[in-house]
Amino acid sequence: MPYSRGHREKVRDRIVESARRLFNRSGFENVSINSIMEEAGLTRGGFYAYFKSKSDLYVEVLRCFFTDPDWKNRWEGVRIDPASPQAAPQIIRAYLSRQHFDDVENSCPMVALPNDVARSGENVRKAFNDTFRAMVTMLGRDVKSSTRQPEDTALAIAALCVGGMVVARALTDTSLADRLRDAAVEVSLALGGWKSKNDKPSSRRRPKSKPGR
């Protein structure tokens, strides 16, 4: 019986999603092709019909909403509209949000994988480079500060976002991690000239609603 139209794309997407979750959870070196395919509900033999190696798959995993127009937002309560003139502040708040902090498996891969990238081959490092550059481009489109070149400002903001989340994830003191992320948001918005006292984000953990409400 022939496969339905779009079957191959769906299977490929399942492999990429499985790898994204596992790489974010355990790192590149600690994840095997067997575990990726098992997580996706597939057999190892089918892997090579889609990817030449784990490194080639890694390049696909490095894609995120900065480079993939079909990226579906994973963080509940967080919205990013790339066409909005407020896209850069939205990205900053989303990137440093508590939702992103908590949802390790669906993280932007630049947070979970930078050390692995530094040890990887040229194609993986280029993919990371391209993803970071795409983030800088989106952040720099509407920089309002005139004290420096917009791209330089966007580079600093991108570093604050990625680095801030990396450090926050490494801390054992959750309240300190919250303060770090809040500070990174405020400084990033100020650098870009988007700071607004009437639109302060809340990146702390939201209280759970009581049963029955």
N, C-alpha and C. Protein backbone atom coordinates (compact mmCIF):
# COMPACT_ATOMS: atom_id res chain seq x y z
N MET A 1 0.85 -1.20 0.00
CA MET A 1 0.00 0.00 0.00
C MET A 1 0.88 1.25 0.00
N PRO A 2 0.71 2.12 -0.97
CA PRO A 2 1.58 3.32 -1.04
C PRO A 2 1.29 4.28 0.10
N TYR A 3 2.35 5.02 0.49
CA TYR A 3 2.18 6.02 1.54
C TYR A 3 1.39 7.21 1.02
N SER A 4 0.68 7.87 1.92
CA SER A 4 -0.08 9.05 1.55
C SER A 4 0.86 10.21 1.23
N ARG A 5 0.33 11.21 0.52
CA ARG A 5 1.12 12.39 0.19
C ARG A 5 1.54 13.10 1.48
N GLY A 6 2.79 13.46 1.52
CA GLY A 6 3.29 14.15 2.69
C GLY A 6 3.83 13.23 3.77
N HIS A 7 3.75 11.91 3.54
CA HIS A 7 4.22 10.96 4.56
C HIS A 7 5.69 11.16 4.87
N ARG A 8 6.51 11.30 3.83
CA ARG A 8 7.95 11.44 4.05
C ARG A 8 8.27 12.69 4.88
N GLU A 9 7.60 13.80 4.57
CA GLU A 9 7.85 15.04 5.32
C GLU A 9 7.44 14.88 6.78
N LYS A 10 6.33 14.20 7.02
CA LYS A 10 5.87 14.00 8.39
C LYS A 10 6.85 13.15 9.19
N VAL A 11 7.37 12.09 8.57
CA VAL A 11 8.34 11.23 9.26
C VAL A 11 9.61 12.01 9.56
N ARG A 12 10.06 12.78 8.59
CA ARG A 12 11.26 13.59 8.79
C ARG A 12 11.07 14.58 9.94
N ASP A 13 9.90 15.20 9.98
CA ASP A 13 9.61 16.13 11.07
C ASP A 13 9.61 15.43 12.42
N ARG A 14 9.11 14.20 12.47
CA ARG A 14 9.11 13.44 13.73
C ARG A 14 10.52 13.18 14.22
N ILE A 15 11.41 12.87 13.28
CA ILE A 15 12.81 12.62 13.65
C ILE A 15 13.45 13.89 14.18
N VAL A 16 13.22 15.01 13.51
CA VAL A 16 13.79 16.28 13.94
C VAL A 16 13.26 16.68 15.32
N GLU A 17 11.96 16.53 15.54
CA GLU A 17 11.37 16.88 16.84
C GLU A 17 11.91 15.98 17.94
N SER A 18 12.06 14.70 17.65
CA SER A 18 12.62 13.77 18.62
C SER A 18 14.05 14.18 18.98
N ALA A 19 14.84 14.49 17.97
CA ALA A 19 16.23 14.89 18.21
C ALA A 19 16.30 16.20 18.98
N ARG A 20 15.42 17.14 18.67
CA ARG A 20 15.40 18.42 19.38
C ARG A 20 15.19 18.20 20.88
N ARG A 21 14.19 17.38 21.20
CA ARG A 21 13.90 17.12 22.62
C ARG A 21 15.09 16.46 23.31
N LEU A 22 15.64 15.44 22.68
CA LEU A 22 16.73 14.68 23.31
C LEU A 22 18.03 15.48 23.39
N PHE A 23 18.37 16.22 22.33
CA PHE A 23 19.58 17.04 22.36
C PHE A 23 19.47 18.11 23.43
N ASN A 24 18.30 18.76 23.52
CA ASN A 24 18.11 19.78 24.53
C ASN A 24 18.19 19.19 25.94
N ARG A 25 17.69 17.97 26.08
CA ARG A 25 17.66 17.33 27.39
C ARG A 25 19.03 16.80 27.81
N SER A 26 19.77 16.20 26.86
CA SER A 26 20.97 15.46 27.23
C SER A 26 22.25 15.89 26.52
N GLY A 27 22.15 16.75 25.51
CA GLY A 27 23.34 17.16 24.76
C GLY A 27 23.59 16.24 23.58
N PHE A 28 24.35 16.74 22.63
CA PHE A 28 24.60 16.02 21.38
C PHE A 28 25.35 14.71 21.60
N GLU A 29 26.41 14.75 22.38
CA GLU A 29 27.28 13.59 22.54
C GLU A 29 26.58 12.43 23.24
N ASN A 30 25.62 12.74 24.12
CA ASN A 30 24.98 11.70 24.93
C ASN A 30 23.74 11.10 24.30
N VAL A 31 23.42 11.50 23.09
CA VAL A 31 22.22 11.01 22.42
C VAL A 31 22.63 10.18 21.20
N SER A 32 22.10 8.97 21.11
CA SER A 32 22.42 8.08 19.99
C SER A 32 21.32 8.12 18.93
N ILE A 33 21.66 7.67 17.74
CA ILE A 33 20.67 7.56 16.68
C ILE A 33 19.57 6.60 17.11
N ASN A 34 19.93 5.51 17.79
CA ASN A 34 18.93 4.57 18.27
C ASN A 34 17.91 5.25 19.18
N SER A 35 18.39 6.06 20.11
CA SER A 35 17.47 6.72 21.05
C SER A 35 16.59 7.74 20.34
N ILE A 36 17.15 8.43 19.35
CA ILE A 36 16.35 9.40 18.57
C ILE A 36 15.21 8.70 17.86
N MET A 37 15.52 7.61 17.19
CA MET A 37 14.49 6.90 16.43
C MET A 37 13.48 6.22 17.35
N GLU A 38 13.94 5.72 18.48
CA GLU A 38 13.02 5.12 19.44
C GLU A 38 12.06 6.17 19.99
N GLU A 39 12.58 7.35 20.31
CA GLU A 39 11.73 8.43 20.81
C GLU A 39 10.69 8.83 19.76
N ALA A 40 11.07 8.72 18.48
CA ALA A 40 10.15 9.08 17.40
C ALA A 40 9.21 7.95 17.03
N GLY A 41 9.38 6.77 17.65
CA GLY A 41 8.54 5.62 17.34
C GLY A 41 8.90 4.98 16.02
N LEU A 42 10.19 5.05 15.65
CA LEU A 42 10.66 4.52 14.38
C LEU A 42 11.85 3.59 14.60
N THR A 43 12.22 2.86 13.57
CA THR A 43 13.36 1.95 13.67
C THR A 43 14.62 2.64 13.16
N ARG A 44 15.77 2.20 13.69
CA ARG A 44 17.05 2.82 13.31
C ARG A 44 17.28 2.75 11.81
N GLY A 45 16.87 1.66 11.19
CA GLY A 45 17.13 1.47 9.76
C GLY A 45 16.57 2.58 8.90
N GLY A 46 15.50 3.24 9.36
CA GLY A 46 14.89 4.28 8.55
C GLY A 46 15.62 5.61 8.63
N PHE A 47 16.53 5.74 9.58
CA PHE A 47 17.21 7.03 9.79
C PHE A 47 17.94 7.50 8.54
N TYR A 48 18.66 6.59 7.90
CA TYR A 48 19.55 6.98 6.80
C TYR A 48 18.80 7.25 5.50
N ALA A 49 17.50 7.04 5.50
CA ALA A 49 16.71 7.47 4.35
C ALA A 49 16.44 8.97 4.39
N TYR A 50 16.74 9.59 5.54
CA TYR A 50 16.46 11.00 5.73
C TYR A 50 17.70 11.84 6.03
N PHE A 51 18.67 11.25 6.71
CA PHE A 51 19.87 11.98 7.11
C PHE A 51 21.10 11.11 6.91
N LYS A 52 22.21 11.75 6.51
CA LYS A 52 23.45 11.01 6.31
C LYS A 52 24.12 10.65 7.64
N SER A 53 23.94 11.50 8.65
CA SER A 53 24.62 11.29 9.93
C SER A 53 23.89 12.06 11.02
N LYS A 54 24.30 11.81 12.25
CA LYS A 54 23.72 12.55 13.38
C LYS A 54 24.08 14.04 13.27
N SER A 55 25.24 14.35 12.73
CA SER A 55 25.64 15.76 12.56
C SER A 55 24.72 16.48 11.58
N ASP A 56 24.33 15.79 10.49
CA ASP A 56 23.41 16.40 9.53
C ASP A 56 22.06 16.68 10.18
N LEU A 57 21.61 15.76 11.02
CA LEU A 57 20.37 15.97 11.75
C LEU A 57 20.51 17.15 12.71
N TYR A 58 21.66 17.26 13.33
CA TYR A 58 21.95 18.34 14.27
C TYR A 58 21.78 19.71 13.62
N VAL A 59 22.18 19.82 12.36
CA VAL A 59 22.03 21.07 11.62
C VAL A 59 20.56 21.45 11.53
N GLU A 60 19.71 20.46 11.28
CA GLU A 60 18.27 20.72 11.19
C GLU A 60 17.70 21.14 12.54
N VAL A 61 18.18 20.53 13.60
CA VAL A 61 17.69 20.85 14.94
C VAL A 61 18.03 22.29 15.31
N LEU A 62 19.13 22.81 14.79
CA LEU A 62 19.54 24.17 15.10
C LEU A 62 18.61 25.23 14.50
N ARG A 63 17.73 24.81 13.61
CA ARG A 63 16.76 25.76 13.08
C ARG A 63 15.74 26.08 14.16
N CYS A 64 15.31 27.33 14.23
CA CYS A 64 14.25 27.70 15.16
C CYS A 64 13.46 28.85 14.55
N PHE A 65 12.69 29.58 15.36
CA PHE A 65 11.78 30.55 14.76
C PHE A 65 12.51 31.70 14.08
N PHE A 66 13.82 31.85 14.29
CA PHE A 66 14.56 32.90 13.60
C PHE A 66 14.82 32.56 12.14
N THR A 67 14.83 31.26 11.83
CA THR A 67 15.18 30.84 10.47
C THR A 67 14.11 29.99 9.82
N ASP A 68 13.10 29.54 10.58
CA ASP A 68 12.11 28.61 10.06
C ASP A 68 10.72 29.27 10.09
N PRO A 69 10.15 29.63 8.93
CA PRO A 69 8.83 30.30 8.92
C PRO A 69 7.71 29.39 9.41
N ASP A 70 7.95 28.08 9.43
CA ASP A 70 6.92 27.14 9.88
C ASP A 70 7.06 26.78 11.35
N TRP A 71 8.00 27.45 12.07
CA TRP A 71 8.19 27.16 13.48
C TRP A 71 6.90 27.44 14.24
N LYS A 72 6.46 26.48 15.04
CA LYS A 72 5.26 26.65 15.85
C LYS A 72 5.68 26.99 17.27
N ASN A 73 5.12 28.06 17.79
CA ASN A 73 5.46 28.50 19.13
C ASN A 73 5.16 27.41 20.15
N ARG A 74 6.13 27.09 21.00
CA ARG A 74 5.97 26.03 21.99
C ARG A 74 5.65 26.56 23.39
N TRP A 75 5.73 27.84 23.60
CA TRP A 75 5.67 28.37 24.96
C TRP A 75 4.30 28.98 25.23
N GLU A 76 3.54 28.34 26.06
CA GLU A 76 2.18 28.76 26.36
C GLU A 76 2.15 30.19 26.91
N GLY A 77 1.26 30.98 26.35
CA GLY A 77 1.11 32.35 26.82
C GLY A 77 2.11 33.33 26.23
N VAL A 78 3.00 32.84 25.35
CA VAL A 78 4.02 33.69 24.74
C VAL A 78 3.78 33.74 23.24
N ARG A 79 3.70 34.94 22.69
CA ARG A 79 3.44 35.10 21.26
C ARG A 79 4.49 35.99 20.62
N ILE A 80 4.91 35.60 19.43
CA ILE A 80 5.86 36.40 18.66
C ILE A 80 5.31 36.58 17.26
N ASP A 81 5.17 37.82 16.83
CA ASP A 81 4.72 38.14 15.48
C ASP A 81 5.89 38.78 14.73
N PRO A 82 6.58 38.00 13.88
CA PRO A 82 7.75 38.53 13.18
C PRO A 82 7.46 39.76 12.33
N ALA A 83 6.20 39.95 11.91
CA ALA A 83 5.85 41.09 11.07
C ALA A 83 5.53 42.34 11.88
N SER A 84 5.43 42.20 13.19
CA SER A 84 5.07 43.33 14.04
C SER A 84 6.23 44.30 14.21
N PRO A 85 5.95 45.61 14.29
CA PRO A 85 7.03 46.57 14.59
C PRO A 85 7.57 46.39 16.00
N GLN A 86 6.86 45.62 16.82
CA GLN A 86 7.31 45.29 18.18
C GLN A 86 7.91 43.90 18.27
N ALA A 87 8.33 43.35 17.12
CA ALA A 87 8.85 41.99 17.10
C ALA A 87 10.07 41.83 18.01
N ALA A 88 10.98 42.81 17.98
CA ALA A 88 12.20 42.69 18.78
C ALA A 88 11.90 42.63 20.28
N PRO A 89 11.09 43.55 20.85
CA PRO A 89 10.73 43.42 22.26
C PRO A 89 10.00 42.11 22.56
N GLN A 90 9.16 41.65 21.62
CA GLN A 90 8.47 40.37 21.81
C GLN A 90 9.47 39.22 21.91
N ILE A 91 10.48 39.25 21.03
CA ILE A 91 11.51 38.20 21.04
C ILE A 91 12.26 38.21 22.36
N ILE A 92 12.65 39.40 22.82
CA ILE A 92 13.41 39.51 24.07
C ILE A 92 12.60 38.94 25.23
N ARG A 93 11.33 39.36 25.33
CA ARG A 93 10.50 38.90 26.45
C ARG A 93 10.25 37.40 26.36
N ALA A 94 10.02 36.89 25.13
CA ALA A 94 9.76 35.47 24.95
C ALA A 94 11.01 34.64 25.28
N TYR A 95 12.13 35.12 24.79
CA TYR A 95 13.38 34.36 24.96
C TYR A 95 13.75 34.24 26.43
N LEU A 96 13.52 35.30 27.19
CA LEU A 96 13.90 35.32 28.59
C LEU A 96 12.70 35.07 29.51
N SER A 97 11.64 34.51 28.96
CA SER A 97 10.43 34.24 29.73
C SER A 97 10.59 33.02 30.63
N ARG A 98 9.74 32.95 31.63
CA ARG A 98 9.74 31.77 32.50
C ARG A 98 9.32 30.53 31.73
N GLN A 99 8.43 30.71 30.75
CA GLN A 99 7.98 29.57 29.96
C GLN A 99 9.15 28.93 29.21
N HIS A 100 9.98 29.78 28.58
CA HIS A 100 11.14 29.25 27.87
C HIS A 100 12.12 28.63 28.85
N PHE A 101 12.30 29.26 30.00
CA PHE A 101 13.19 28.75 31.04
C PHE A 101 12.77 27.35 31.48
N ASP A 102 11.48 27.14 31.67
CA ASP A 102 10.97 25.86 32.18
C ASP A 102 10.93 24.77 31.12
N ASP A 103 10.68 25.15 29.87
CA ASP A 103 10.45 24.16 28.82
C ASP A 103 11.77 23.78 28.14
N VAL A 104 12.55 22.98 28.84
CA VAL A 104 13.89 22.64 28.36
C VAL A 104 13.85 21.92 27.02
N GLU A 105 12.95 20.98 26.86
CA GLU A 105 12.93 20.16 25.65
C GLU A 105 12.59 20.96 24.40
N ASN A 106 11.83 22.04 24.55
CA ASN A 106 11.47 22.87 23.40
C ASN A 106 12.23 24.18 23.36
N SER A 107 13.38 24.22 24.00
CA SER A 107 14.20 25.43 24.02
C SER A 107 14.70 25.79 22.63
N CYS A 108 15.04 27.07 22.49
CA CYS A 108 15.83 27.44 21.32
C CYS A 108 17.14 26.67 21.41
N PRO A 109 17.56 25.99 20.36
CA PRO A 109 18.76 25.16 20.44
C PRO A 109 20.04 25.93 20.74
N MET A 110 20.04 27.23 20.52
CA MET A 110 21.26 28.00 20.82
C MET A 110 21.52 28.05 22.32
N VAL A 111 20.48 27.86 23.14
CA VAL A 111 20.66 27.87 24.59
C VAL A 111 21.26 26.56 25.06
N ALA A 112 20.74 25.46 24.56
CA ALA A 112 21.12 24.15 25.08
C ALA A 112 22.42 23.61 24.48
N LEU A 113 22.79 24.07 23.30
CA LEU A 113 23.83 23.36 22.55
C LEU A 113 25.11 24.11 22.22
N PRO A 114 25.39 25.30 22.78
CA PRO A 114 26.58 26.03 22.32
C PRO A 114 27.89 25.30 22.54
N ASN A 115 28.06 24.60 23.66
CA ASN A 115 29.32 23.89 23.89
C ASN A 115 29.50 22.75 22.91
N ASP A 116 28.39 22.06 22.59
CA ASP A 116 28.47 21.00 21.59
C ASP A 116 28.85 21.57 20.23
N VAL A 117 28.30 22.72 19.90
CA VAL A 117 28.58 23.36 18.61
C VAL A 117 30.07 23.68 18.49
N ALA A 118 30.64 24.21 19.55
CA ALA A 118 32.06 24.59 19.52
C ALA A 118 32.96 23.39 19.24
N ARG A 119 32.50 22.20 19.58
CA ARG A 119 33.31 20.98 19.37
C ARG A 119 32.93 20.26 18.09
N SER A 120 31.99 20.80 17.34
CA SER A 120 31.46 20.10 16.18
C SER A 120 32.15 20.52 14.89
N GLY A 121 31.71 19.90 13.79
CA GLY A 121 32.30 20.18 12.49
C GLY A 121 31.84 21.50 11.91
N GLU A 122 32.39 21.83 10.75
CA GLU A 122 32.14 23.13 10.12
C GLU A 122 30.67 23.33 9.78
N ASN A 123 29.99 22.28 9.30
CA ASN A 123 28.59 22.46 8.89
C ASN A 123 27.70 22.79 10.08
N VAL A 124 27.98 22.17 11.22
CA VAL A 124 27.19 22.46 12.43
C VAL A 124 27.47 23.87 12.92
N ARG A 125 28.73 24.27 12.94
CA ARG A 125 29.09 25.61 13.41
C ARG A 125 28.51 26.67 12.48
N LYS A 126 28.47 26.39 11.17
CA LYS A 126 27.89 27.34 10.22
C LYS A 126 26.38 27.48 10.48
N ALA A 127 25.70 26.36 10.78
CA ALA A 127 24.27 26.42 11.06
C ALA A 127 24.00 27.26 12.30
N PHE A 128 24.83 27.10 13.33
CA PHE A 128 24.69 27.90 14.54
C PHE A 128 24.92 29.38 14.22
N ASN A 129 25.97 29.64 13.43
CA ASN A 129 26.29 31.00 13.01
C ASN A 129 25.11 31.64 12.27
N ASP A 130 24.50 30.88 11.35
CA ASP A 130 23.39 31.41 10.56
C ASP A 130 22.17 31.69 11.43
N THR A 131 21.92 30.81 12.40
CA THR A 131 20.78 31.00 13.30
C THR A 131 20.98 32.23 14.17
N PHE A 132 22.20 32.39 14.69
CA PHE A 132 22.48 33.56 15.52
C PHE A 132 22.38 34.84 14.70
N ARG A 133 22.91 34.82 13.49
CA ARG A 133 22.82 35.99 12.62
C ARG A 133 21.37 36.35 12.31
N ALA A 134 20.52 35.32 12.10
CA ALA A 134 19.10 35.58 11.84
C ALA A 134 18.45 36.23 13.05
N MET A 135 18.83 35.80 14.24
CA MET A 135 18.31 36.41 15.47
C MET A 135 18.74 37.88 15.53
N VAL A 136 19.99 38.16 15.24
CA VAL A 136 20.50 39.53 15.26
C VAL A 136 19.77 40.39 14.25
N THR A 137 19.52 39.85 13.06
CA THR A 137 18.81 40.60 12.03
C THR A 137 17.41 40.98 12.48
N MET A 138 16.69 40.02 13.08
CA MET A 138 15.33 40.31 13.56
C MET A 138 15.35 41.35 14.67
N LEU A 139 16.30 41.23 15.58
CA LEU A 139 16.38 42.18 16.69
C LEU A 139 16.78 43.58 16.21
N GLY A 140 17.60 43.64 15.18
CA GLY A 140 18.15 44.91 14.73
C GLY A 140 17.28 45.70 13.78
N ARG A 141 16.14 45.12 13.35
CA ARG A 141 15.31 45.80 12.35
C ARG A 141 14.75 47.13 12.85
N ASP A 142 14.46 47.20 14.14
CA ASP A 142 13.78 48.40 14.66
C ASP A 142 14.48 48.95 15.90
N VAL A 143 15.82 48.82 15.94
CA VAL A 143 16.58 49.40 17.04
C VAL A 143 16.41 50.92 17.02
N LYS A 144 16.03 51.49 18.14
CA LYS A 144 15.76 52.92 18.20
C LYS A 144 16.93 53.72 18.80
N SER A 145 17.86 53.03 19.44
CA SER A 145 19.00 53.71 20.03
C SER A 145 19.94 54.19 18.93
N SER A 146 20.46 55.40 19.08
CA SER A 146 21.34 55.97 18.05
C SER A 146 22.78 56.12 18.54
N THR A 147 23.08 55.53 19.68
CA THR A 147 24.42 55.69 20.25
C THR A 147 25.43 54.76 19.60
N ARG A 148 24.98 53.77 18.86
CA ARG A 148 25.89 52.83 18.20
C ARG A 148 25.21 52.26 16.97
N GLN A 149 25.95 51.50 16.17
CA GLN A 149 25.38 50.88 14.99
C GLN A 149 24.26 49.90 15.40
N PRO A 150 23.12 49.89 14.69
CA PRO A 150 22.02 49.01 15.06
C PRO A 150 22.43 47.54 15.17
N GLU A 151 23.30 47.09 14.25
CA GLU A 151 23.71 45.69 14.30
C GLU A 151 24.55 45.40 15.54
N ASP A 152 25.40 46.35 15.94
CA ASP A 152 26.18 46.16 17.16
C ASP A 152 25.27 46.07 18.38
N THR A 153 24.25 46.92 18.41
CA THR A 153 23.28 46.86 19.50
C THR A 153 22.56 45.52 19.50
N ALA A 154 22.15 45.07 18.32
CA ALA A 154 21.44 43.79 18.21
C ALA A 154 22.34 42.63 18.62
N LEU A 155 23.62 42.69 18.29
CA LEU A 155 24.56 41.65 18.71
C LEU A 155 24.62 41.55 20.23
N ALA A 156 24.70 42.72 20.89
CA ALA A 156 24.77 42.73 22.35
C ALA A 156 23.48 42.19 22.96
N ILE A 157 22.34 42.55 22.38
CA ILE A 157 21.06 42.08 22.90
C ILE A 157 20.92 40.57 22.71
N ALA A 158 21.32 40.07 21.54
CA ALA A 158 21.25 38.63 21.29
C ALA A 158 22.13 37.87 22.28
N ALA A 159 23.31 38.42 22.56
CA ALA A 159 24.21 37.77 23.53
C ALA A 159 23.60 37.78 24.93
N LEU A 160 22.91 38.87 25.28
CA LEU A 160 22.23 38.94 26.58
C LEU A 160 21.11 37.90 26.66
N CYS A 161 20.38 37.73 25.59
CA CYS A 161 19.28 36.77 25.59
C CYS A 161 19.78 35.33 25.70
N VAL A 162 20.69 34.95 24.80
CA VAL A 162 21.19 33.58 24.80
C VAL A 162 22.01 33.31 26.07
N GLY A 163 22.96 34.20 26.35
CA GLY A 163 23.81 34.01 27.52
C GLY A 163 23.04 34.07 28.82
N GLY A 164 22.06 34.99 28.89
CA GLY A 164 21.26 35.10 30.09
C GLY A 164 20.50 33.83 30.39
N MET A 165 19.93 33.22 29.36
CA MET A 165 19.19 31.98 29.58
C MET A 165 20.13 30.82 29.92
N VAL A 166 21.30 30.78 29.30
CA VAL A 166 22.27 29.72 29.61
C VAL A 166 22.67 29.78 31.09
N VAL A 167 23.01 30.98 31.56
CA VAL A 167 23.42 31.12 32.96
C VAL A 167 22.25 30.85 33.90
N ALA A 168 21.06 31.37 33.58
CA ALA A 168 19.89 31.16 34.43
C ALA A 168 19.60 29.67 34.59
N ARG A 169 19.73 28.90 33.52
CA ARG A 169 19.48 27.47 33.58
C ARG A 169 20.52 26.76 34.46
N ALA A 170 21.71 27.34 34.56
CA ALA A 170 22.78 26.69 35.33
C ALA A 170 22.67 26.98 36.83
N LEU A 171 21.89 27.97 37.21
CA LEU A 171 21.80 28.35 38.62
C LEU A 171 20.88 27.41 39.40
N THR A 172 21.23 27.15 40.65
CA THR A 172 20.37 26.33 41.51
C THR A 172 19.37 27.19 42.28
N ASP A 173 19.65 28.48 42.39
CA ASP A 173 18.78 29.41 43.10
C ASP A 173 17.77 29.98 42.09
N THR A 174 16.53 29.47 42.14
CA THR A 174 15.52 29.88 41.17
C THR A 174 15.21 31.37 41.25
N SER A 175 15.18 31.93 42.46
CA SER A 175 14.88 33.35 42.59
C SER A 175 15.98 34.20 41.95
N LEU A 176 17.22 33.75 42.07
CA LEU A 176 18.33 34.46 41.43
C LEU A 176 18.22 34.34 39.91
N ALA A 177 17.83 33.16 39.43
CA ALA A 177 17.63 32.97 37.99
C ALA A 177 16.53 33.88 37.46
N ASP A 178 15.45 34.04 38.24
CA ASP A 178 14.37 34.95 37.84
C ASP A 178 14.88 36.39 37.77
N ARG A 179 15.64 36.79 38.76
CA ARG A 179 16.18 38.16 38.78
C ARG A 179 17.11 38.37 37.59
N LEU A 180 17.92 37.37 37.29
CA LEU A 180 18.85 37.48 36.16
C LEU A 180 18.08 37.69 34.86
N ARG A 181 17.04 36.90 34.65
CA ARG A 181 16.28 37.02 33.40
C ARG A 181 15.55 38.36 33.33
N ASP A 182 14.97 38.79 34.45
CA ASP A 182 14.30 40.10 34.47
C ASP A 182 15.28 41.23 34.15
N ALA A 183 16.47 41.13 34.74
CA ALA A 183 17.48 42.16 34.49
C ALA A 183 17.92 42.16 33.03
N ALA A 184 18.09 40.96 32.46
CA ALA A 184 18.49 40.85 31.05
C ALA A 184 17.43 41.44 30.13
N VAL A 185 16.15 41.22 30.47
CA VAL A 185 15.06 41.81 29.68
C VAL A 185 15.13 43.33 29.73
N GLU A 186 15.22 43.88 30.94
CA GLU A 186 15.21 45.33 31.09
C GLU A 186 16.40 45.99 30.39
N VAL A 187 17.59 45.41 30.54
CA VAL A 187 18.78 45.97 29.90
C VAL A 187 18.68 45.85 28.38
N SER A 188 18.18 44.72 27.90
CA SER A 188 18.04 44.53 26.45
C SER A 188 17.07 45.53 25.84
N LEU A 189 15.92 45.73 26.51
CA LEU A 189 14.94 46.69 26.01
C LEU A 189 15.51 48.11 26.03
N ALA A 190 16.25 48.42 27.07
CA ALA A 190 16.85 49.76 27.17
C ALA A 190 17.89 49.96 26.07
N LEU A 191 18.70 48.94 25.81
CA LEU A 191 19.72 49.04 24.76
C LEU A 191 19.08 49.33 23.39
N GLY A 192 17.95 48.67 23.14
CA GLY A 192 17.30 48.85 21.85
C GLY A 192 16.41 50.07 21.77
N GLY A 193 16.21 50.75 22.89
CA GLY A 193 15.36 51.93 22.90
C GLY A 193 13.89 51.61 22.99
N TRP A 194 13.55 50.39 23.50
CA TRP A 194 12.15 49.97 23.56
C TRP A 194 11.60 50.00 24.98
N LYS A 195 12.39 50.45 25.93
CA LYS A 195 11.99 50.37 27.33
C LYS A 195 10.69 51.15 27.56
N SER A 196 9.75 50.53 28.25
CA SER A 196 8.46 51.16 28.54
C SER A 196 8.02 50.78 29.93
N LYS A 197 7.85 51.75 30.80
CA LYS A 197 7.43 51.48 32.17
C LYS A 197 6.02 50.91 32.24
N ASN A 198 5.24 51.19 31.20
CA ASN A 198 3.86 50.72 31.19
C ASN A 198 3.70 49.36 30.54
N ASP A 199 4.80 48.78 30.12
CA ASP A 199 4.72 47.49 29.44
C ASP A 199 5.79 46.56 29.96
N LYS A 200 5.93 46.52 31.26
CA LYS A 200 6.96 45.68 31.87
C LYS A 200 6.55 44.23 31.84
N PRO A 201 7.40 43.32 31.31
CA PRO A 201 7.05 41.91 31.24
C PRO A 201 7.11 41.25 32.61
N SER A 202 6.36 40.20 32.77
CA SER A 202 6.44 39.41 34.00
C SER A 202 7.04 38.07 33.65
N SER A 203 8.31 37.86 34.01
CA SER A 203 8.98 36.62 33.66
C SER A 203 9.08 35.67 34.85
N ARG A 204 8.44 36.05 35.94
CA ARG A 204 8.44 35.16 37.10
C ARG A 204 7.43 34.05 36.90
N ARG A 205 7.53 33.03 37.74
CA ARG A 205 6.59 31.92 37.65
C ARG A 205 5.19 32.39 38.00
N ARG A 206 4.22 32.02 37.17
CA ARG A 206 2.86 32.39 37.44
C ARG A 206 2.26 31.46 38.50
N PRO A 207 1.47 32.01 39.45
CA PRO A 207 0.86 31.14 40.44
C PRO A 207 -0.13 30.20 39.81
N LYS A 208 -0.16 28.96 40.28
CA LYS A 208 -1.08 27.98 39.73
C LYS A 208 -2.49 28.31 40.18
N SER A 209 -3.44 28.16 39.25
CA SER A 209 -4.82 28.42 39.60
C SER A 209 -5.35 27.31 40.48
N LYS A 210 -6.25 27.66 41.37
CA LYS A 210 -6.81 26.67 42.27
C LYS A 210 -7.82 25.81 41.54
N PRO A 211 -7.98 24.53 41.99
CA PRO A 211 -8.94 23.63 41.35
C PRO A 211 -10.32 24.24 41.36
N GLY A 212 -11.02 24.06 40.24
CA GLY A 212 -12.38 24.55 40.15
C GLY A 212 -12.49 25.93 39.55
N ARG A 213 -11.34 26.60 39.36
CA ARG A 213 -11.37 27.94 38.77
C ARG A 213 -11.08 27.89 37.29
